[in-house]
Amino acid sequence: MKPLISTLSIIFALITVSAQTNVWEPSAGHQQIPIWPGAPPDPRPMLGPEFVHTSDGTVAGKTVAIAERVAIPTMTIYPAKTKNTGIAIVIFPGGGYQVLAMDLVGSEVCEWLAARGITGVLLKYRVPGAKGYADKGFRKSGAYPNSPAALEDAQRTVGLVRLHAAEWQIDPNKIGVMGFSAGGHLAAAISTHFDERLYPAVDAADQESCRPDFGAPIYPGHMQEHTTNDFEINPYVPVTTNTPPQFIVQAENDPVDPVQNSLLYYTALKDAKVPTELHLFAQGGHAFGLRRTKLPITEWPELMEQWLRTIGMVSN
């Protein structure tokens, strides 16, 4: 069995995480595992320690757990609960690359996957925090390339999952990514940035491919080129024929990330002849996650299950 990281390093990192009392914690039976054996690459100053709080508003009648100032990225494994399909999906929560909605588009998604025989891997990637960050004159954060941290964490995590595929009963050729909002952009970013790591190799995990076998950006942001007035995709999402199959969902009335984000990505994927499925719904707004409502968009998870069959991830 290959160790995840050195024993001393993981003990130190877990102590560091647990010493922060007001941080997001998964439900009983799950443990956060630091993804780096030491200090993560490209560190940046934080305004203070990580903390978690509850949202002021609700989604489908429930509040949302918001993590801020994440400096120590972790992954939490949610093993398949029913007949194991061999699929694993790394989940990137949304939050504008400033915070992370850890339950709405994180743990709730992983639990849904596990109930369907899919291993969920929840990545708590690095984000600086939303309050007062820019006012302090810190370097601009956000989507790659403004900050490489989140994409580095994503590359590292896919490599770790592939390294431990046999141990975690995962098919190394069935490892996908799914993200929401900013996390949707991160899913697209790693689907187009996998030939080279953004950081020096650390261990055997970084010798594994970090190319996902499929991607699912859900109401993605940061997909449009904003330096021109043209309908152009962000040049830092370089779609090629080697981009893995993609599944995209968005509401046309999304007030946060306009539907052009999905349309631009879809157009680039189709031009590159990448197998892609796009679902647009008239209503749904933003940040709906998997929580059930009366709107038709609430059925999108079932559409994704069907899509996984069409691309050969699940046997009929």
Protein backbone atom coordinates (compact mmCIF):
# COMPACT_ATOMS: atom_id res chain seq x y z
CA MET A 1 0.00 0.00 0.00
CA LYS A 2 1.36 3.39 -0.94
CA PRO A 3 1.25 5.94 1.90
CA LEU A 4 -0.79 9.03 1.16
CA ILE A 5 1.95 11.26 2.49
CA SER A 6 4.66 10.70 5.08
CA THR A 7 3.37 9.79 8.52
CA LEU A 8 4.97 12.74 10.28
CA SER A 9 3.71 15.19 7.67
CA ILE A 10 0.11 14.02 7.81
CA ILE A 11 0.08 14.00 11.61
CA PHE A 12 1.41 17.56 11.68
CA ALA A 13 -1.07 18.71 9.07
CA LEU A 14 -4.03 17.06 10.79
CA ILE A 15 -3.04 18.65 14.09
CA THR A 16 -2.88 22.01 12.33
CA VAL A 17 -6.38 21.53 10.88
CA SER A 18 -7.89 20.26 14.12
CA ALA A 19 -6.32 23.07 16.14
CA GLN A 20 -8.52 25.50 14.25
CA THR A 21 -11.74 24.98 16.17
CA ASN A 22 -14.06 27.04 13.99
CA VAL A 23 -13.41 25.33 10.67
CA TRP A 24 -15.72 23.30 8.49
CA GLU A 25 -15.89 19.65 9.48
CA PRO A 26 -17.49 16.78 7.55
CA SER A 27 -20.17 14.58 9.04
CA ALA A 28 -19.28 11.73 11.37
CA GLY A 29 -17.32 8.93 9.74
CA HIS A 30 -15.45 11.20 7.33
CA GLN A 31 -12.06 12.80 7.83
CA GLN A 32 -10.41 15.72 6.10
CA ILE A 33 -7.01 14.77 4.65
CA PRO A 34 -4.49 17.53 3.82
CA ILE A 35 -3.49 17.17 0.18
CA TRP A 36 0.02 18.58 0.57
CA PRO A 37 2.71 16.90 2.74
CA GLY A 38 4.10 20.29 3.72
CA ALA A 39 3.37 23.91 2.94
CA PRO A 40 1.30 24.30 -0.26
CA PRO A 41 3.00 26.00 -3.21
CA ASP A 42 2.46 29.70 -3.93
CA PRO A 43 1.26 30.67 -0.45
CA ARG A 44 -0.38 34.04 0.06
CA PRO A 45 -1.10 36.06 3.18
CA MET A 46 -4.45 35.65 4.86
CA LEU A 47 -6.32 38.21 6.93
CA GLY A 48 -6.68 35.66 9.69
CA PRO A 49 -7.31 31.97 10.39
CA GLU A 50 -9.85 29.88 8.55
CA PHE A 51 -13.40 29.99 9.85
CA VAL A 52 -16.86 28.74 8.93
CA HIS A 53 -20.18 30.53 9.32
CA THR A 54 -23.79 30.16 8.26
CA SER A 55 -25.22 32.13 5.37
CA ASP A 56 -27.70 34.92 6.00
CA GLY A 57 -30.05 33.67 3.28
CA THR A 58 -31.34 30.20 2.47
CA VAL A 59 -31.50 27.85 -0.51
CA ALA A 60 -34.63 25.70 -0.65
CA GLY A 61 -35.37 26.70 2.94
CA LYS A 62 -31.95 25.75 4.34
CA THR A 63 -28.93 27.85 5.22
CA VAL A 64 -25.47 27.25 3.74
CA ALA A 65 -22.17 26.56 5.54
CA ILE A 66 -19.58 29.04 4.24
CA ALA A 67 -15.84 28.45 4.72
CA GLU A 68 -13.50 31.44 4.48
CA ARG A 69 -9.72 32.01 4.50
CA VAL A 70 -8.89 28.42 3.58
CA ALA A 71 -5.08 28.16 3.63
CA ILE A 72 -4.72 24.40 4.24
CA PRO A 73 -6.50 22.55 1.42
CA THR A 74 -8.03 19.19 2.28
CA MET A 75 -9.96 16.41 0.64
CA THR A 76 -12.69 14.32 2.23
CA ILE A 77 -13.58 10.90 0.80
CA TYR A 78 -17.22 9.76 0.61
CA PRO A 79 -17.03 6.09 -0.44
CA ALA A 80 -19.74 4.53 -2.59
CA LYS A 81 -22.55 3.25 -0.36
CA THR A 82 -24.32 1.03 -2.88
CA LYS A 83 -22.98 -1.14 -5.70
CA ASN A 84 -19.67 0.47 -6.55
CA THR A 85 -19.53 1.75 -10.12
CA GLY A 86 -15.78 2.41 -9.86
CA ILE A 87 -16.40 6.09 -10.65
CA ALA A 88 -14.93 8.86 -8.52
CA ILE A 89 -15.82 12.53 -8.88
CA VAL A 90 -13.80 15.33 -7.30
CA ILE A 91 -16.16 18.11 -6.19
CA PHE A 92 -15.19 21.79 -6.31
CA PRO A 93 -17.59 23.94 -4.24
CA GLY A 94 -18.43 27.42 -5.47
CA GLY A 95 -17.92 30.77 -3.81
CA GLY A 96 -16.34 33.18 -6.26
CA TYR A 97 -12.80 32.00 -5.43
CA GLN A 98 -13.29 33.93 -2.16
CA VAL A 99 -15.30 31.51 0.00
CA LEU A 100 -16.58 27.93 -0.29
CA ALA A 101 -20.20 26.76 0.07
CA MET A 102 -19.19 23.53 1.74
CA ASP A 103 -22.52 21.78 2.18
CA LEU A 104 -24.81 23.11 -0.59
CA VAL A 105 -22.38 22.25 -3.40
CA GLY A 106 -19.96 20.10 -1.46
CA SER A 107 -20.91 17.48 1.10
CA GLU A 108 -24.52 17.25 -0.12
CA VAL A 109 -23.28 16.46 -3.62
CA CYS A 110 -20.85 13.84 -2.30
CA GLU A 111 -23.57 12.14 -0.28
CA TRP A 112 -25.79 12.06 -3.38
CA LEU A 113 -22.97 10.48 -5.39
CA ALA A 114 -22.16 7.90 -2.72
CA ALA A 115 -25.80 6.80 -2.65
CA ARG A 116 -25.47 6.04 -6.37
CA GLY A 117 -22.31 3.95 -6.16
CA ILE A 118 -19.94 6.81 -6.99
CA THR A 119 -17.10 7.87 -4.72
CA GLY A 120 -17.26 11.59 -3.95
CA VAL A 121 -14.06 13.47 -3.16
CA LEU A 122 -14.75 16.89 -1.66
CA LEU A 123 -11.89 19.32 -2.22
CA LYS A 124 -11.67 22.26 0.16
CA TYR A 125 -9.34 24.29 -2.02
CA ARG A 126 -7.53 27.47 -1.05
CA VAL A 127 -9.50 30.72 -1.01
CA PRO A 128 -8.41 33.97 0.66
CA GLY A 129 -11.72 35.06 2.18
CA ALA A 130 -14.19 37.67 1.01
CA LYS A 131 -14.20 40.36 3.67
CA GLY A 132 -11.64 43.15 3.50
CA TYR A 133 -9.11 41.26 1.42
CA ALA A 134 -8.76 43.73 -1.45
CA ASP A 135 -8.87 46.68 0.95
CA LYS A 136 -5.60 45.52 2.50
CA GLY A 137 -3.73 45.74 -0.79
CA PHE A 138 -3.07 42.01 -1.14
CA ARG A 139 -2.39 40.59 -4.58
CA LYS A 140 -5.53 40.07 -6.62
CA SER A 141 -7.08 36.65 -6.11
CA GLY A 142 -9.58 34.72 -8.14
CA ALA A 143 -9.54 32.43 -11.13
CA TYR A 144 -6.36 31.19 -12.77
CA PRO A 145 -4.06 32.91 -13.74
CA ASN A 146 -4.75 35.65 -11.17
CA SER A 147 -4.09 32.99 -8.58
CA PRO A 148 -2.72 29.49 -9.30
CA ALA A 149 -3.63 28.09 -5.87
CA ALA A 150 -7.04 26.53 -6.58
CA LEU A 151 -5.90 24.95 -9.84
CA GLU A 152 -2.77 23.60 -8.15
CA ASP A 153 -4.97 22.04 -5.47
CA ALA A 154 -7.24 20.54 -8.14
CA GLN A 155 -4.32 19.04 -10.09
CA ARG A 156 -2.82 17.62 -6.92
CA THR A 157 -6.11 16.05 -5.82
CA VAL A 158 -6.85 14.31 -9.13
CA GLY A 159 -3.31 12.88 -9.02
CA LEU A 160 -3.83 11.64 -5.47
CA VAL A 161 -7.13 9.98 -6.33
CA ARG A 162 -5.55 8.24 -9.31
CA LEU A 163 -2.55 7.13 -7.22
CA HIS A 164 -4.83 5.55 -4.61
CA ALA A 165 -7.44 4.23 -7.03
CA ALA A 166 -6.93 0.57 -6.16
CA GLU A 167 -6.88 1.27 -2.42
CA TRP A 168 -10.11 3.28 -2.64
CA GLN A 169 -11.79 0.83 -5.08
CA ILE A 170 -11.83 3.34 -7.92
CA ASP A 171 -11.27 2.73 -11.62
CA PRO A 172 -8.32 5.01 -12.55
CA ASN A 173 -9.97 5.58 -15.92
CA LYS A 174 -13.23 6.81 -14.37
CA ILE A 175 -12.14 9.86 -12.40
CA GLY A 176 -14.14 12.99 -13.13
CA VAL A 177 -14.53 16.50 -11.76
CA MET A 178 -17.63 18.54 -10.96
CA GLY A 179 -17.82 22.12 -9.83
CA PHE A 180 -20.37 24.84 -9.21
CA SER A 181 -20.07 28.54 -10.13
CA ALA A 182 -16.38 29.37 -9.52
CA GLY A 183 -15.95 25.65 -8.91
CA GLY A 184 -17.50 25.10 -12.35
CA HIS A 185 -14.74 27.24 -13.80
CA LEU A 186 -12.21 25.19 -11.84
CA ALA A 187 -13.66 22.00 -13.37
CA ALA A 188 -13.19 23.54 -16.83
CA ALA A 189 -9.72 24.82 -15.92
CA ILE A 190 -8.38 21.41 -14.92
CA SER A 191 -10.11 19.88 -17.96
CA THR A 192 -7.93 22.16 -20.11
CA HIS A 193 -4.76 22.40 -17.94
CA PHE A 194 -3.49 18.88 -17.32
CA ASP A 195 -0.41 18.45 -19.53
CA GLU A 196 1.84 20.14 -16.97
CA ARG A 197 1.58 20.74 -13.25
CA LEU A 198 1.64 24.38 -12.14
CA TYR A 199 4.00 23.40 -9.29
CA PRO A 200 7.17 21.30 -8.87
CA ALA A 201 6.46 17.60 -8.32
CA VAL A 202 6.22 16.63 -4.66
CA ASP A 203 5.85 12.84 -4.71
CA ALA A 204 4.39 9.91 -6.63
CA ALA A 205 0.95 11.50 -6.84
CA ASP A 206 2.39 14.19 -9.10
CA GLN A 207 3.69 11.55 -11.51
CA GLU A 208 0.12 10.42 -12.15
CA SER A 209 -2.01 12.07 -14.83
CA CYS A 210 -4.21 14.89 -13.53
CA ARG A 211 -6.41 14.81 -16.63
CA PRO A 212 -10.02 14.14 -15.60
CA ASP A 213 -11.88 11.49 -17.58
CA PHE A 214 -14.91 13.82 -17.70
CA GLY A 215 -15.98 17.17 -16.34
CA ALA A 216 -19.25 18.68 -15.14
CA PRO A 217 -19.20 22.47 -14.77
CA ILE A 218 -22.53 23.50 -13.24
CA TYR A 219 -23.49 27.18 -13.77
CA PRO A 220 -19.80 28.01 -14.36
CA GLY A 221 -18.35 31.50 -14.08
CA HIS A 222 -15.19 33.17 -15.41
CA MET A 223 -15.64 31.62 -18.85
CA GLN A 224 -15.99 34.84 -20.84
CA GLU A 225 -13.20 37.10 -22.10
CA HIS A 226 -13.79 40.47 -20.47
CA THR A 227 -11.06 42.50 -22.18
CA THR A 228 -13.15 42.84 -25.32
CA ASN A 229 -16.81 43.33 -26.08
CA ASP A 230 -16.87 40.25 -28.27
CA PHE A 231 -18.52 36.92 -27.57
CA GLU A 232 -15.21 35.18 -26.82
CA ILE A 233 -14.18 32.48 -24.40
CA ASN A 234 -11.63 33.16 -21.68
CA PRO A 235 -8.24 32.42 -23.32
CA TYR A 236 -7.11 30.70 -20.11
CA VAL A 237 -9.60 27.92 -20.77
CA PRO A 238 -7.77 26.49 -23.81
CA VAL A 239 -10.15 23.83 -25.13
CA THR A 240 -8.54 21.21 -27.40
CA THR A 241 -9.51 17.87 -28.90
CA ASN A 242 -7.96 16.26 -25.80
CA THR A 243 -10.36 18.00 -23.42
CA PRO A 244 -12.45 15.26 -21.76
CA PRO A 245 -16.25 15.00 -22.27
CA GLN A 246 -18.24 17.72 -20.52
CA PHE A 247 -21.71 18.07 -18.99
CA ILE A 248 -22.97 21.63 -18.49
CA VAL A 249 -26.07 22.95 -16.69
CA GLN A 250 -27.23 26.53 -16.22
CA ALA A 251 -30.36 28.62 -15.76
CA GLU A 252 -31.01 31.33 -18.34
CA ASN A 253 -32.01 33.74 -15.56
CA ASP A 254 -28.78 33.27 -13.60
CA PRO A 255 -28.08 36.75 -12.13
CA VAL A 256 -24.50 35.98 -11.05
CA ASP A 257 -22.87 34.13 -13.93
CA PRO A 258 -24.71 35.00 -17.17
CA VAL A 259 -25.66 32.12 -19.42
CA GLN A 260 -23.01 33.26 -21.92
CA ASN A 261 -20.47 31.46 -19.73
CA SER A 262 -21.98 28.07 -20.56
CA LEU A 263 -22.68 28.97 -24.18
CA LEU A 264 -19.09 30.05 -24.82
CA TYR A 265 -17.66 26.90 -23.28
CA TYR A 266 -20.13 24.71 -25.16
CA THR A 267 -19.29 26.40 -28.48
CA ALA A 268 -15.55 25.94 -27.94
CA LEU A 269 -16.05 22.29 -27.00
CA LYS A 270 -18.19 21.58 -30.05
CA ASP A 271 -15.68 23.32 -32.33
CA ALA A 272 -13.02 21.00 -30.89
CA LYS A 273 -15.36 18.00 -31.35
CA VAL A 274 -15.36 17.22 -27.63
CA PRO A 275 -18.41 15.15 -26.61
CA THR A 276 -20.56 17.63 -24.71
CA GLU A 277 -24.07 17.86 -23.32
CA LEU A 278 -25.56 21.27 -22.45
CA HIS A 279 -28.78 21.78 -20.51
CA LEU A 280 -30.27 25.27 -20.25
CA PHE A 281 -33.36 25.95 -18.18
CA ALA A 282 -35.51 29.08 -18.27
CA GLN A 283 -35.55 29.43 -14.48
CA GLY A 284 -33.38 28.41 -11.58
CA GLY A 285 -31.23 31.40 -10.78
CA HIS A 286 -27.85 30.72 -9.23
CA ALA A 287 -26.51 28.42 -6.51
CA PHE A 288 -29.36 25.91 -6.60
CA GLY A 289 -27.13 22.90 -5.99
CA LEU A 290 -29.03 19.63 -5.56
CA ARG A 291 -31.71 20.95 -3.21
CA ARG A 292 -35.16 20.11 -4.48
CA THR A 293 -37.53 22.83 -5.69
CA LYS A 294 -40.62 22.95 -7.92
CA LEU A 295 -38.60 24.18 -10.92
CA PRO A 296 -37.70 21.80 -13.78
CA ILE A 297 -33.98 22.55 -13.27
CA THR A 298 -34.13 20.53 -10.05
CA GLU A 299 -34.07 17.38 -12.22
CA TRP A 300 -30.57 18.03 -13.56
CA PRO A 301 -28.87 15.35 -11.38
CA GLU A 302 -30.93 12.64 -13.06
CA LEU A 303 -29.84 14.02 -16.44
CA MET A 304 -26.22 13.71 -15.36
CA GLU A 305 -26.75 10.11 -14.30
CA GLN A 306 -28.05 9.35 -17.79
CA TRP A 307 -25.13 11.20 -19.36
CA LEU A 308 -22.60 9.11 -17.43
CA ARG A 309 -24.11 6.10 -19.17
CA THR A 310 -23.87 7.72 -22.61
CA ILE A 311 -20.12 8.31 -22.21
CA GLY A 312 -19.52 4.77 -20.96
CA MET A 313 -18.81 5.52 -17.31
CA VAL A 314 -21.77 3.45 -16.10
CA SER A 315 -22.83 0.14 -17.62
CA ASN A 316 -26.43 -0.05 -18.82
